[in-house]
Amino acid sequence: MSEPESGLNPSENGLSPLEESTQRHIEEAITGGMLRGMREFAGITQTELARQIGVTLVTVSRWESPSRPDQKPSLDAFNFVSGTALAQEGAIGTASKWIERFYLPGQKVILTLHRPDDPNYPADMPEGLETPSRSNAATLRLGEVLIRDGREVRFAYPDENDETIDQWMDPPEVD
């Protein structure tokens, strides 16, 4: 059996020539600025991205540098960052629907942020929210959605005292 015209052997790499060509086009379209924007959007640090995909911090920094357009990000980097962002968007959609269903119109919403070194951050968070920075990125985007929908939103850290929060949350008027 002869090799496909592209010179790729699907039995070696598992991809058909069409799949390999599509993958190459996607890789060529990914820019460092695009990767940086999505990484920041998802709350992923350069260090975390490097660790997750098995490259050095210097490599990620070069990919994202506008002065190095010849340094193209890997498809693995883009897939990790976009997968995290998509998982967060799913969580945001679910939370937004939950708030819409269980909060009365005009009721104020407090969204929790986490400090980067929070020792009490839950270890069992869903995909896209595994670290405080990822969770905060999703929480801030949820806040934007709620504010756009006319909700009054406040962000608070779990260690803020209840008195501060109570001052913001007006008690309901009793007739």
Protein backbone atom coordinates (compact mmCIF):
# COMPACT_ATOMS: atom_id res chain seq x y z
CA MET A 1 0.00 0.00 0.00
CA SER A 2 1.42 3.39 -0.95
CA GLU A 3 1.57 6.36 1.39
CA PRO A 4 -0.97 9.19 0.96
CA GLU A 5 0.14 12.12 -1.21
CA SER A 6 0.90 14.23 1.85
CA GLY A 7 3.62 11.79 2.84
CA LEU A 8 1.82 11.03 6.09
CA ASN A 9 1.24 7.47 7.08
CA PRO A 10 -2.08 7.17 8.99
CA SER A 11 -1.04 3.83 10.48
CA GLU A 12 1.87 5.60 12.21
CA ASN A 13 0.19 8.73 13.54
CA GLY A 14 -3.46 7.68 13.64
CA LEU A 15 -4.59 10.67 11.57
CA SER A 16 -5.86 10.65 8.03
CA PRO A 17 -4.21 13.12 5.62
CA LEU A 18 -7.32 15.32 5.87
CA GLU A 19 -7.22 15.32 9.69
CA GLU A 20 -3.50 16.09 9.65
CA SER A 21 -4.07 18.97 7.21
CA THR A 22 -6.92 20.37 9.34
CA GLN A 23 -4.77 20.15 12.47
CA ARG A 24 -1.96 22.01 10.69
CA HIS A 25 -4.36 24.78 9.60
CA ILE A 26 -5.66 25.16 13.16
CA GLU A 27 -2.12 25.34 14.54
CA GLU A 28 -1.20 28.01 11.98
CA ALA A 29 -4.25 30.10 12.93
CA ILE A 30 -3.48 30.16 16.66
CA THR A 31 -1.60 33.29 17.67
CA GLY A 32 0.23 34.09 20.88
CA GLY A 33 -2.19 36.92 21.59
CA MET A 34 -5.13 34.56 21.17
CA LEU A 35 -3.57 32.05 23.57
CA ARG A 36 -2.76 34.78 26.13
CA GLY A 37 -6.28 36.23 25.96
CA MET A 38 -7.94 32.85 26.43
CA ARG A 39 -5.49 31.87 29.18
CA GLU A 40 -6.20 35.07 31.12
CA PHE A 41 -9.94 34.72 30.43
CA ALA A 42 -9.84 31.25 32.01
CA GLY A 43 -7.73 32.41 34.98
CA ILE A 44 -4.77 30.18 34.09
CA THR A 45 -1.25 31.37 34.85
CA GLN A 46 1.63 30.87 32.42
CA THR A 47 3.26 28.60 35.00
CA GLU A 48 0.14 26.46 35.32
CA LEU A 49 -0.23 26.17 31.54
CA ALA A 50 3.42 25.16 31.16
CA ARG A 51 3.06 22.50 33.86
CA GLN A 52 -0.20 21.12 32.43
CA ILE A 53 1.12 20.60 28.90
CA GLY A 54 4.73 19.71 29.76
CA VAL A 55 6.65 22.72 28.45
CA THR A 56 8.77 25.36 30.15
CA LEU A 57 7.55 28.72 31.37
CA VAL A 58 9.97 30.32 28.89
CA THR A 59 8.21 28.48 26.04
CA VAL A 60 4.78 29.79 27.06
CA SER A 61 6.20 33.28 27.49
CA ARG A 62 7.72 33.15 23.98
CA TRP A 63 4.44 31.95 22.48
CA GLU A 64 2.60 34.90 24.00
CA SER A 65 5.21 37.55 23.23
CA PRO A 66 4.07 40.00 20.54
CA SER A 67 7.73 40.52 19.63
CA ARG A 68 8.04 36.83 18.67
CA PRO A 69 5.32 36.13 16.10
CA ASP A 70 7.42 33.25 14.74
CA GLN A 71 6.87 31.36 18.02
CA LYS A 72 3.53 29.63 17.42
CA PRO A 73 1.64 28.12 20.38
CA SER A 74 1.07 24.39 20.35
CA LEU A 75 -2.33 22.90 19.71
CA ASP A 76 -2.07 21.19 23.13
CA ALA A 77 -1.78 24.59 24.82
CA PHE A 78 -4.75 25.96 22.93
CA ASN A 79 -6.85 22.83 23.62
CA PHE A 80 -6.11 22.96 27.36
CA VAL A 81 -6.93 26.67 27.67
CA SER A 82 -10.05 26.55 25.49
CA GLY A 83 -11.28 23.38 27.23
CA THR A 84 -10.96 25.07 30.61
CA ALA A 85 -12.78 28.18 29.35
CA LEU A 86 -15.59 26.06 27.89
CA ALA A 87 -15.99 24.13 31.15
CA GLN A 88 -16.20 27.45 33.00
CA GLU A 89 -18.82 28.75 30.57
CA GLY A 90 -20.93 25.67 31.32
CA ALA A 91 -20.63 26.33 35.05
CA ILE A 92 -21.51 30.00 34.51
CA GLY A 93 -24.60 29.07 32.50
CA THR A 94 -25.74 26.66 35.20
CA ALA A 95 -25.14 29.17 38.01
CA SER A 96 -26.90 31.93 36.09
CA LYS A 97 -29.98 29.74 35.58
CA TRP A 98 -29.92 28.73 39.24
CA ILE A 99 -29.79 32.37 40.38
CA GLU A 100 -32.56 33.32 37.97
CA ARG A 101 -34.73 30.51 39.32
CA PHE A 102 -34.14 30.89 43.06
CA TYR A 103 -33.48 34.61 43.57
CA LEU A 104 -36.34 37.09 43.45
CA PRO A 105 -36.09 39.96 40.96
CA GLY A 106 -34.23 42.83 42.63
CA GLN A 107 -32.70 40.53 45.26
CA LYS A 108 -28.99 41.22 45.72
CA VAL A 109 -26.51 38.48 44.87
CA ILE A 110 -23.21 37.87 46.65
CA LEU A 111 -20.63 35.92 44.65
CA THR A 112 -17.67 34.33 46.40
CA LEU A 113 -14.09 34.99 45.32
CA HIS A 114 -11.12 33.04 46.66
CA ARG A 115 -7.72 34.32 47.64
CA PRO A 116 -4.89 32.67 45.62
CA ASP A 117 -3.42 31.01 48.72
CA ASP A 118 -6.77 29.99 50.27
CA PRO A 119 -5.98 26.84 52.32
CA ASN A 120 -9.70 26.03 52.51
CA TYR A 121 -10.31 26.04 48.76
CA PRO A 122 -12.30 22.87 48.01
CA ALA A 123 -10.26 20.10 46.41
CA ASP A 124 -13.24 18.61 44.58
CA MET A 125 -14.22 21.52 42.34
CA PRO A 126 -15.53 20.68 38.86
CA GLU A 127 -13.48 20.96 35.67
CA GLY A 128 -12.55 24.53 34.89
CA LEU A 129 -12.74 25.61 38.53
CA GLU A 130 -9.91 23.53 40.02
CA THR A 131 -7.87 26.48 41.29
CA PRO A 132 -8.81 29.76 42.99
CA SER A 133 -7.68 31.78 39.96
CA ARG A 134 -9.83 29.74 37.57
CA SER A 135 -12.79 29.93 39.91
CA ASN A 136 -12.37 33.70 40.28
CA ALA A 137 -12.22 34.18 36.50
CA ALA A 138 -15.50 32.29 36.12
CA THR A 139 -17.09 34.12 39.08
CA LEU A 140 -16.20 37.52 37.63
CA ARG A 141 -17.71 36.53 34.28
CA LEU A 142 -20.86 35.29 36.07
CA GLY A 143 -21.05 38.67 37.80
CA GLU A 144 -20.86 40.41 34.43
CA VAL A 145 -23.75 38.28 33.13
CA LEU A 146 -25.87 39.00 36.20
CA ILE A 147 -25.16 42.74 36.12
CA ARG A 148 -26.03 42.83 32.43
CA ASP A 149 -29.31 41.10 33.35
CA GLY A 150 -30.06 43.89 35.86
CA ARG A 151 -28.99 42.14 39.07
CA GLU A 152 -27.15 43.93 41.84
CA VAL A 153 -24.00 41.93 42.52
CA ARG A 154 -21.33 42.09 45.20
CA PHE A 155 -18.17 40.04 45.34
CA ALA A 156 -16.93 38.82 48.73
CA TYR A 157 -14.19 36.60 50.12
CA PRO A 158 -15.24 33.79 52.48
CA ASP A 159 -13.21 35.34 55.31
CA GLU A 160 -15.05 38.68 55.20
CA ASN A 161 -17.11 39.13 58.31
CA ASP A 162 -20.88 38.76 58.19
CA GLU A 163 -21.39 42.31 59.46
CA THR A 164 -19.80 43.76 56.31
CA ILE A 165 -22.03 41.58 54.16
CA ASP A 166 -25.14 42.36 56.24
CA GLN A 167 -24.55 46.09 55.75
CA TRP A 168 -24.69 45.57 52.02
CA MET A 169 -27.68 43.21 52.11
CA ASP A 170 -30.61 45.35 53.17
CA PRO A 171 -32.94 43.36 55.40
CA PRO A 172 -36.40 42.92 53.89
CA GLU A 173 -39.00 45.40 55.02
CA VAL A 174 -41.66 43.94 57.27
CA ASP A 175 -45.20 45.33 57.02
